[in-house]
Amino acid sequence: MKSIIKNLVIAVLILTGVNMYAQNNRDLDNFRQPDQRGINDFEAVKDNSTSNYDGLKVRIGGSSTLQFQALDNENSGVTPLKGIGSNFNLATANLDLDVALYDGVRMHLRTYLSSRHHHEPYVKGGYFQIDKLNFIKEGFAGDLMEHVRIKIGHMENNYGDAHFRRSDNSMSLYNPFVGNLIMDSFTTEVGAEAYYFDGPWFAMLGFSNGKLNQNVKESDGTTGGAAFLAKLGYDKQINDDLRFRLTGSLYNTGYAPSVYLYTADRAGARYYDVMQAEDASSDNFRASRFDPGFKNKITAVMINPFLKYGGLEFFGTVELTSGRALDEIDRRSTQQYAGELLYRFGNDENFYIGTRYNTVNAELAGGNDVSVNRFNVGGGWFMTKNILMKAEYVTQNYKDYPTGDLLEDGKFNGFVLEAAISF
């Protein structure tokens, strides 16, 4: 018994010491803040001119989100929908570990503690970020590394800018609305990205293995293919009031056993239980999103303009993608367009109101041309830099789906309240 008590006391002291050390030293180099200060940040800032590094530093952070949902859904009635009402959804939570391993070398790891699809904890992914090569030799290639960054890991790939504003399970503070885009381009793959920053210009080239679920199993005589990523952008604070950013991104695969660019989010969509069949035996946790069904030879291009003048803010998405399912010969194409218009006001812009329109036009595998349209209007209040309260009205419509399809004349609409905490 004495041994057990002794071990418990030692464990508590160690954890308390790590926690105090981590929380009293929360500033990391080249790091996007997980609170209101990180709003409208995209790639983490690149600045080697100063350093906070004074030894191994562990930053323990996390997030939690709770929603109250009051949505209705309907369709043509040929295939009955599951009834839904008004109540709270499952609270979601993340745990983040960010570690300064050396001057200019940082690690990030995110674990989903609770999500819509998995109630048990599981690792989303992580990466190493290298902004200096001082671990080789002090000042090694210093002039070059003033401009260069390298990221390596099983990580969220930097395709497009929309993923910087999406809700990542409970990390929903960056998202001014509740849901992500209808066609949610987000994936985690093993790969590497190299960046070059030069004033307002930056470029990125990357490669990944194109696989969400990692394994060494052979399919058609190979363990898989590869995905190529590229990004070019311009981002400048022109004056105190005006900022302009424009980026173009490419994600391209050759052969790959199964690509998950639009189905990689294991946490699930943010509108719960909508558009589900009455006799469904399990939860379609990605319902409310659109999956074009591309699993092989995908070419996706995303263009994102961002403009902020004073408190007025616009963020846009133009996404053009084509590909095919594994059993298809001909390629199909899909287009997505979205625009967000926000006005932030109050002390430190701690209030905002805004609207988003999002539409997807696609050819289904069966040959039907369909569209899905969503309209959001809402607002938010940063009670503190770590606490955000949101409220929105959302309506989503499904057009031109074939007779008898679950989504024929489909629609859901209503109100959602969301409380987001991130630190």
Protein backbone atom coordinates (compact mmCIF):
# COMPACT_ATOMS: atom_id res chain seq x y z
CA MET A 1 0.00 0.00 0.00
CA LYS A 2 2.82 2.43 0.89
CA SER A 3 4.44 1.72 -2.48
CA ILE A 4 1.19 2.45 -4.33
CA ILE A 5 0.68 5.72 -2.43
CA LYS A 6 4.28 6.72 -3.07
CA ASN A 7 3.95 6.06 -6.80
CA LEU A 8 0.68 8.02 -6.96
CA VAL A 9 2.26 10.99 -5.18
CA ILE A 10 5.25 10.93 -7.56
CA ALA A 11 2.94 10.73 -10.60
CA VAL A 12 0.83 13.65 -9.38
CA LEU A 13 3.94 15.76 -8.72
CA ILE A 14 5.36 14.98 -12.16
CA LEU A 15 2.08 15.79 -13.93
CA THR A 16 1.63 18.95 -11.86
CA GLY A 17 5.17 20.05 -12.68
CA VAL A 18 4.73 19.38 -16.41
CA ASN A 19 1.38 21.18 -16.38
CA MET A 20 2.78 24.23 -14.53
CA TYR A 21 5.83 24.34 -16.79
CA ALA A 22 3.70 24.02 -19.90
CA GLN A 23 1.07 26.56 -18.91
CA ASN A 24 3.50 29.21 -17.65
CA ASN A 25 5.41 29.14 -20.94
CA ARG A 26 2.70 29.06 -23.59
CA ASP A 27 4.31 31.17 -26.32
CA LEU A 28 5.89 29.10 -29.07
CA ASP A 29 7.77 30.25 -32.16
CA ASN A 30 6.08 30.19 -35.58
CA PHE A 31 2.81 29.00 -34.06
CA ARG A 32 -0.86 29.73 -34.77
CA GLN A 33 -2.57 30.70 -31.53
CA PRO A 34 -5.57 28.43 -30.73
CA ASP A 35 -7.69 31.33 -29.46
CA GLN A 36 -9.11 34.57 -30.86
CA ARG A 37 -5.60 35.72 -31.78
CA GLY A 38 -5.48 32.91 -34.37
CA ILE A 39 -8.56 34.15 -36.24
CA ASN A 40 -7.71 34.84 -39.91
CA ASP A 41 -4.29 33.23 -39.58
CA PHE A 42 -3.53 30.62 -42.18
CA GLU A 43 -0.06 29.07 -42.37
CA ALA A 44 1.79 29.73 -39.11
CA VAL A 45 3.82 32.92 -39.25
CA LYS A 46 7.41 32.54 -40.47
CA ASP A 47 9.73 34.67 -38.33
CA ASN A 48 13.24 33.55 -37.35
CA SER A 49 14.34 36.98 -36.14
CA THR A 50 13.43 36.24 -32.51
CA SER A 51 13.17 33.08 -30.46
CA ASN A 52 11.35 32.06 -27.27
CA TYR A 53 13.28 28.79 -27.04
CA ASP A 54 15.10 28.24 -23.76
CA GLY A 55 14.92 24.46 -23.57
CA LEU A 56 12.36 21.73 -24.15
CA LYS A 57 8.90 23.28 -23.80
CA VAL A 58 5.59 21.40 -23.69
CA ARG A 59 2.39 23.32 -24.39
CA ILE A 60 -0.73 21.41 -23.33
CA GLY A 61 -3.88 22.72 -24.97
CA GLY A 62 -7.26 21.59 -26.12
CA SER A 63 -10.78 22.49 -27.09
CA SER A 64 -14.38 21.60 -26.32
CA THR A 65 -17.62 22.29 -28.18
CA LEU A 66 -21.27 21.86 -27.21
CA GLN A 67 -24.24 22.41 -29.54
CA PHE A 68 -27.97 22.84 -29.18
CA GLN A 69 -29.62 21.86 -32.47
CA ALA A 70 -33.15 22.64 -33.65
CA LEU A 71 -33.31 21.41 -37.26
CA ASP A 72 -36.06 19.90 -39.41
CA ASN A 73 -35.55 17.78 -42.53
CA GLU A 74 -37.77 16.62 -45.37
CA ASN A 75 -37.66 15.00 -48.80
CA SER A 76 -40.08 13.79 -51.48
CA GLY A 77 -41.41 11.12 -49.13
CA VAL A 78 -40.69 8.18 -51.41
CA THR A 79 -37.91 7.10 -49.05
CA PRO A 80 -38.92 8.16 -45.52
CA LEU A 81 -36.49 10.14 -43.37
CA LYS A 82 -35.64 9.57 -39.75
CA GLY A 83 -37.43 12.04 -37.49
CA ILE A 84 -35.31 14.60 -35.63
CA GLY A 85 -36.14 17.13 -32.94
CA SER A 86 -34.49 19.75 -30.75
CA ASN A 87 -31.89 18.95 -28.13
CA PHE A 88 -28.18 18.94 -27.32
CA ASN A 89 -25.67 17.03 -29.41
CA LEU A 90 -22.79 15.02 -27.99
CA ALA A 91 -20.12 17.33 -26.60
CA THR A 92 -16.82 16.97 -28.46
CA ALA A 93 -13.27 17.49 -27.18
CA ASN A 94 -9.68 17.62 -28.46
CA LEU A 95 -6.32 17.37 -26.71
CA ASP A 96 -3.33 19.17 -28.27
CA LEU A 97 0.34 18.73 -27.48
CA ASP A 98 2.71 21.29 -29.00
CA VAL A 99 6.35 20.79 -28.11
CA ALA A 100 9.35 23.01 -28.81
CA LEU A 101 11.96 20.29 -29.27
CA TYR A 102 14.80 22.60 -30.25
CA ASP A 103 15.34 26.13 -31.48
CA GLY A 104 13.31 26.18 -34.70
CA VAL A 105 11.92 22.63 -34.37
CA ARG A 106 8.37 22.07 -33.15
CA MET A 107 6.04 19.08 -32.89
CA HIS A 108 2.23 19.11 -32.98
CA LEU A 109 -0.04 16.23 -32.01
CA ARG A 110 -3.85 16.31 -31.88
CA THR A 111 -6.03 13.65 -30.26
CA TYR A 112 -9.81 13.55 -30.59
CA LEU A 113 -10.99 12.75 -27.06
CA SER A 114 -14.66 12.56 -28.08
CA SER A 115 -16.24 12.95 -31.50
CA ARG A 116 -19.50 12.22 -33.25
CA HIS A 117 -18.14 9.11 -34.95
CA HIS A 118 -15.91 7.80 -32.16
CA HIS A 119 -16.75 8.26 -28.49
CA GLU A 120 -13.34 6.89 -27.50
CA PRO A 121 -10.06 8.87 -27.90
CA TYR A 122 -7.97 8.41 -31.04
CA VAL A 123 -5.13 10.30 -32.68
CA LYS A 124 -6.03 12.61 -35.56
CA GLY A 125 -2.40 13.19 -36.61
CA GLY A 126 0.67 15.28 -36.08
CA TYR A 127 3.81 16.70 -37.63
CA PHE A 128 7.30 18.11 -37.14
CA GLN A 129 7.80 21.71 -38.27
CA ILE A 130 11.39 22.76 -39.00
CA ASP A 131 12.13 26.48 -39.33
CA LYS A 132 15.82 26.35 -38.41
CA LEU A 133 18.63 23.83 -38.83
CA ASN A 134 20.46 24.77 -35.64
CA PHE A 135 20.25 21.15 -34.50
CA ILE A 136 22.86 20.40 -37.19
CA LYS A 137 25.05 23.38 -36.31
CA GLU A 138 24.30 26.78 -34.83
CA GLY A 139 23.34 29.09 -37.70
CA PHE A 140 23.54 26.29 -40.29
CA ALA A 141 22.06 27.53 -43.61
CA GLY A 142 20.68 30.50 -41.66
CA ASP A 143 20.15 32.75 -44.68
CA LEU A 144 18.23 30.01 -46.49
CA MET A 145 16.13 29.08 -43.46
CA GLU A 146 15.01 32.70 -43.09
CA HIS A 147 12.71 31.78 -46.00
CA VAL A 148 12.27 28.00 -45.82
CA ARG A 149 10.05 25.74 -43.70
CA ILE A 150 9.74 21.95 -43.76
CA LYS A 151 6.80 19.95 -42.36
CA ILE A 152 6.85 16.17 -42.08
CA GLY A 153 4.27 13.86 -40.56
CA HIS A 154 0.95 12.05 -40.77
CA MET A 155 -0.78 15.37 -40.98
CA GLU A 156 -3.53 17.58 -42.31
CA ASN A 157 -2.40 18.39 -45.84
CA ASN A 158 -2.26 22.06 -46.83
CA TYR A 159 -4.62 21.92 -49.79
CA GLY A 160 -6.57 25.18 -50.12
CA ASP A 161 -7.30 27.78 -47.46
CA ALA A 162 -10.77 26.57 -46.45
CA HIS A 163 -9.30 23.98 -44.07
CA PHE A 164 -7.82 26.80 -41.96
CA ARG A 165 -11.38 28.06 -41.23
CA ARG A 166 -13.12 24.71 -40.77
CA SER A 167 -14.16 23.03 -37.53
CA ASP A 168 -11.77 20.20 -36.70
CA ASN A 169 -13.92 18.14 -34.35
CA SER A 170 -14.15 20.36 -31.24
CA MET A 171 -11.65 22.96 -32.55
CA SER A 172 -14.46 25.15 -33.91
CA LEU A 173 -13.31 28.58 -32.75
CA TYR A 174 -11.73 29.49 -36.14
CA ASN A 175 -15.01 28.73 -37.96
CA PRO A 176 -17.46 31.67 -37.89
CA PHE A 177 -20.30 29.25 -38.65
CA VAL A 178 -21.24 25.79 -37.39
CA GLY A 179 -20.81 23.57 -40.45
CA ASN A 180 -17.88 23.19 -42.81
CA LEU A 181 -18.24 23.47 -46.58
CA ILE A 182 -20.65 21.07 -48.28
CA MET A 183 -17.76 19.38 -50.10
CA ASP A 184 -15.32 19.28 -47.21
CA SER A 185 -11.83 18.91 -48.70
CA PHE A 186 -9.79 17.71 -45.75
CA THR A 187 -7.45 14.77 -45.39
CA THR A 188 -4.60 13.48 -43.24
CA GLU A 189 -1.87 11.61 -45.10
CA VAL A 190 1.77 10.72 -44.48
CA GLY A 191 3.92 13.18 -46.37
CA ALA A 192 6.16 16.23 -46.40
CA GLU A 193 5.70 19.87 -47.41
CA ALA A 194 8.43 22.42 -48.20
CA TYR A 195 7.63 26.15 -48.03
CA TYR A 196 9.41 29.22 -49.32
CA PHE A 197 8.40 32.64 -47.89
CA ASP A 198 9.56 35.90 -49.48
CA GLY A 199 7.77 39.00 -48.21
CA PRO A 200 4.07 38.72 -49.09
CA TRP A 201 4.71 35.81 -51.48
CA PHE A 202 4.94 32.17 -50.51
CA ALA A 203 4.97 28.80 -52.26
CA MET A 204 4.61 25.20 -51.13
CA LEU A 205 5.42 21.86 -52.76
CA GLY A 206 4.48 18.62 -51.09
CA PHE A 207 4.06 14.89 -51.54
CA SER A 208 2.07 12.35 -49.60
CA ASN A 209 1.28 8.66 -49.98
CA GLY A 210 -2.36 9.46 -50.75
CA LYS A 211 -3.64 7.14 -48.00
CA LEU A 212 -5.80 7.91 -44.98
CA ASN A 213 -5.45 4.49 -43.37
CA GLN A 214 -1.80 3.50 -43.32
CA ASN A 215 -0.80 -0.10 -44.11
CA VAL A 216 1.60 -2.14 -46.25
CA LYS A 217 -1.00 -4.36 -47.93
CA GLU A 218 -0.66 -4.83 -51.67
CA SER A 219 -3.51 -4.03 -54.07
CA ASP A 220 -3.03 -4.75 -57.79
CA GLY A 221 0.59 -5.60 -57.04
CA THR A 222 1.44 -2.33 -55.25
CA THR A 223 1.08 -0.86 -51.76
CA GLY A 224 -0.16 2.44 -53.19
CA GLY A 225 0.66 5.55 -55.13
CA ALA A 226 1.34 9.16 -54.25
CA ALA A 227 -0.33 12.55 -54.15
CA PHE A 228 1.28 15.79 -55.28
CA LEU A 229 0.41 19.08 -53.57
CA ALA A 230 1.28 22.62 -54.56
CA LYS A 231 0.28 26.06 -53.34
CA LEU A 232 1.12 29.60 -54.39
CA GLY A 233 -0.05 32.63 -52.45
CA TYR A 234 0.17 36.35 -51.83
CA ASP A 235 -0.71 37.74 -48.39
CA LYS A 236 -0.08 41.36 -47.43
CA GLN A 237 -1.26 43.79 -44.78
CA ILE A 238 -1.37 46.77 -47.14
CA ASN A 239 -2.10 49.29 -44.40
CA ASP A 240 -3.60 49.35 -40.91
CA ASP A 241 -7.10 48.76 -42.28
CA LEU A 242 -6.59 46.67 -45.44
CA ARG A 243 -5.33 43.11 -45.83
CA PHE A 244 -5.44 41.07 -49.06
CA ARG A 245 -4.66 37.40 -49.56
CA LEU A 246 -5.04 35.21 -52.65
CA THR A 247 -3.96 31.58 -52.96
CA GLY A 248 -4.22 28.80 -55.51
CA SER A 249 -3.78 25.13 -54.56
CA LEU A 250 -3.45 21.82 -56.37
CA TYR A 251 -3.99 18.25 -55.18
CA ASN A 252 -3.29 15.55 -57.76
CA THR A 253 -2.98 11.77 -57.58
CA GLY A 254 -2.11 9.14 -60.13
CA TYR A 255 -3.00 5.61 -59.14
CA ALA A 256 -4.02 5.23 -55.51
CA PRO A 257 -6.01 2.35 -53.99
CA SER A 258 -8.56 4.75 -52.48
CA VAL A 259 -8.32 8.53 -52.02
CA TYR A 260 -10.20 10.21 -49.18
CA LEU A 261 -9.92 13.90 -50.01
CA TYR A 262 -13.66 14.43 -49.36
CA THR A 263 -14.29 11.62 -46.86
CA ALA A 264 -11.30 11.79 -44.52
CA ASP A 265 -12.98 13.55 -41.59
CA ARG A 266 -13.51 10.78 -39.05
CA ALA A 267 -15.08 13.22 -36.58
CA GLY A 268 -18.26 13.68 -38.61
CA ALA A 269 -20.38 16.55 -39.94
CA ARG A 270 -21.60 19.31 -37.63
CA TYR A 271 -25.33 18.97 -38.43
CA TYR A 272 -26.39 15.82 -36.64
CA ASP A 273 -28.81 13.14 -37.93
CA VAL A 274 -30.13 15.17 -40.88
CA MET A 275 -31.15 13.45 -44.14
CA GLN A 276 -30.96 9.92 -42.69
CA ALA A 277 -33.15 7.06 -43.85
CA GLU A 278 -35.86 6.02 -41.40
CA ASP A 279 -34.68 2.41 -41.43
CA ALA A 280 -30.95 3.20 -41.29
CA SER A 281 -29.18 0.80 -38.95
CA SER A 282 -26.24 3.14 -38.31
CA ASP A 283 -25.47 6.86 -38.27
CA ASN A 284 -24.32 8.37 -41.57
CA PHE A 285 -21.97 10.64 -39.67
CA ARG A 286 -21.02 12.65 -42.78
CA ALA A 287 -24.63 13.40 -43.80
CA SER A 288 -25.15 17.06 -44.84
CA ARG A 289 -21.90 16.92 -46.82
CA PHE A 290 -21.45 15.92 -50.46
CA ASP A 291 -19.00 13.21 -51.51
CA PRO A 292 -18.36 13.14 -55.29
CA GLY A 293 -17.20 9.54 -55.01
CA PHE A 294 -13.76 10.15 -56.48
CA LYS A 295 -11.37 7.46 -55.25
CA ASN A 296 -8.71 7.39 -57.96
CA LYS A 297 -6.80 9.78 -60.23
CA ILE A 298 -8.13 12.96 -58.63
CA THR A 299 -7.20 16.44 -59.84
CA ALA A 300 -8.47 19.18 -57.53
CA VAL A 301 -7.82 22.92 -57.76
CA MET A 302 -8.89 25.44 -55.11
CA ILE A 303 -8.67 29.23 -55.33
CA ASN A 304 -9.27 31.31 -52.18
CA PRO A 305 -9.47 35.11 -52.05
CA PHE A 306 -9.48 36.80 -48.63
CA LEU A 307 -10.06 40.51 -48.09
CA LYS A 308 -10.35 42.37 -44.80
CA TYR A 309 -11.00 46.10 -44.60
CA GLY A 310 -11.49 47.34 -41.07
CA GLY A 311 -14.12 45.03 -39.59
CA LEU A 312 -15.49 43.94 -42.98
CA GLU A 313 -14.24 40.55 -44.13
CA PHE A 314 -14.72 38.37 -47.23
CA PHE A 315 -13.48 34.83 -47.77
CA GLY A 316 -14.20 32.93 -50.97
CA THR A 317 -13.74 29.42 -52.34
CA VAL A 318 -13.69 28.26 -55.94
CA GLU A 319 -12.98 24.52 -56.22
CA LEU A 320 -12.84 22.52 -59.44
CA THR A 321 -12.24 18.81 -59.15
CA SER A 322 -12.42 15.70 -61.32
CA GLY A 323 -11.80 12.02 -60.84
CA ARG A 324 -13.45 8.65 -60.89
CA ALA A 325 -14.52 5.80 -58.67
CA LEU A 326 -12.41 2.66 -58.66
CA ASP A 327 -14.83 0.83 -60.99
CA GLU A 328 -15.30 3.76 -63.41
CA ILE A 329 -13.48 4.31 -66.70
CA ASP A 330 -14.48 7.89 -67.49
CA ARG A 331 -13.71 10.86 -65.26
CA ARG A 332 -16.45 13.06 -63.82
CA SER A 333 -16.24 16.65 -62.62
CA THR A 334 -17.58 18.67 -59.71
CA GLN A 335 -17.57 22.38 -58.95
CA GLN A 336 -17.90 24.08 -55.57
CA TYR A 337 -18.33 27.79 -54.89
CA ALA A 338 -18.62 29.52 -51.53
CA GLY A 339 -18.53 33.06 -50.21
CA GLU A 340 -18.49 34.36 -46.63
CA LEU A 341 -19.17 37.98 -45.74
CA LEU A 342 -18.60 38.99 -42.12
CA TYR A 343 -18.54 42.17 -40.09
CA ARG A 344 -16.48 42.10 -36.89
CA PHE A 345 -17.01 44.87 -34.34
CA GLY A 346 -16.71 45.81 -30.68
CA ASN A 347 -13.64 45.93 -28.48
CA ASP A 348 -10.99 43.74 -30.14
CA GLU A 349 -13.63 42.69 -32.70
CA ASN A 350 -15.18 40.38 -30.14
CA PHE A 351 -18.57 40.41 -31.92
CA TYR A 352 -19.41 39.46 -35.51
CA ILE A 353 -22.37 38.93 -37.80
CA GLY A 354 -22.21 37.30 -41.19
CA THR A 355 -23.56 35.12 -43.93
CA ARG A 356 -22.25 32.32 -46.13
CA TYR A 357 -23.56 30.89 -49.41
CA ASN A 358 -22.21 27.54 -50.62
CA THR A 359 -23.18 25.56 -53.72
CA VAL A 360 -21.96 22.32 -55.31
CA ASN A 361 -22.72 21.17 -58.86
CA ALA A 362 -21.81 17.60 -59.73
CA GLU A 363 -22.33 14.66 -62.05
CA LEU A 364 -23.14 11.50 -60.12
CA ALA A 365 -21.76 8.09 -61.04
CA GLY A 366 -25.17 7.22 -62.48
CA GLY A 367 -25.06 10.18 -64.88
CA ASN A 368 -27.44 12.55 -63.06
CA ASP A 369 -26.44 16.21 -62.75
CA VAL A 370 -27.32 17.40 -59.25
CA SER A 371 -26.72 20.42 -57.05
CA VAL A 372 -26.64 21.09 -53.31
CA ASN A 373 -27.04 24.63 -51.95
CA ARG A 374 -26.62 25.96 -48.43
CA PHE A 375 -27.28 29.36 -46.89
CA ASN A 376 -26.11 30.39 -43.42
CA VAL A 377 -26.69 33.56 -41.46
CA GLY A 378 -25.54 34.11 -37.92
CA GLY A 379 -23.18 35.72 -35.51
CA GLY A 380 -20.85 35.21 -32.60
CA TRP A 381 -19.54 36.69 -29.37
CA PHE A 382 -16.04 36.16 -27.99
CA MET A 383 -16.81 36.27 -24.29
CA THR A 384 -13.05 35.97 -23.74
CA LYS A 385 -10.31 35.23 -26.24
CA ASN A 386 -10.81 31.52 -25.44
CA ILE A 387 -14.64 31.32 -25.37
CA LEU A 388 -16.90 31.83 -28.39
CA MET A 389 -20.69 31.66 -28.48
CA LYS A 390 -22.28 31.22 -31.95
CA ALA A 391 -25.82 31.23 -33.25
CA GLU A 392 -26.91 30.56 -36.83
CA TYR A 393 -29.82 29.79 -39.09
CA VAL A 394 -29.05 27.28 -41.83
CA THR A 395 -30.99 25.97 -44.81
CA GLN A 396 -29.73 23.35 -47.27
CA ASN A 397 -31.48 22.15 -50.45
CA TYR A 398 -30.87 19.17 -52.73
CA LYS A 399 -31.82 19.56 -56.40
CA ASP A 400 -32.35 17.13 -59.31
CA TYR A 401 -31.73 13.89 -57.44
CA PRO A 402 -33.39 10.89 -59.16
CA THR A 403 -36.84 9.63 -58.21
CA GLY A 404 -36.77 7.48 -55.11
CA ASP A 405 -33.38 8.71 -53.97
CA LEU A 406 -33.19 9.60 -50.29
CA LEU A 407 -32.17 13.15 -51.25
CA GLU A 408 -34.93 13.69 -53.85
CA ASP A 409 -36.37 17.16 -53.09
CA GLY A 410 -34.38 17.04 -49.87
CA LYS A 411 -34.08 19.94 -47.48
CA PHE A 412 -33.09 20.69 -43.90
CA ASN A 413 -33.27 23.99 -42.05
CA GLY A 414 -33.37 25.50 -38.59
CA PHE A 415 -31.24 26.98 -35.84
CA VAL A 416 -28.06 25.84 -34.12
CA LEU A 417 -26.33 27.31 -31.04
CA GLU A 418 -22.71 26.41 -30.42
CA ALA A 419 -20.34 27.10 -27.51
CA ALA A 420 -16.65 26.75 -28.37
CA ILE A 421 -13.72 26.77 -25.95
CA SER A 422 -10.11 26.60 -27.09
CA PHE A 423 -6.84 27.20 -25.27
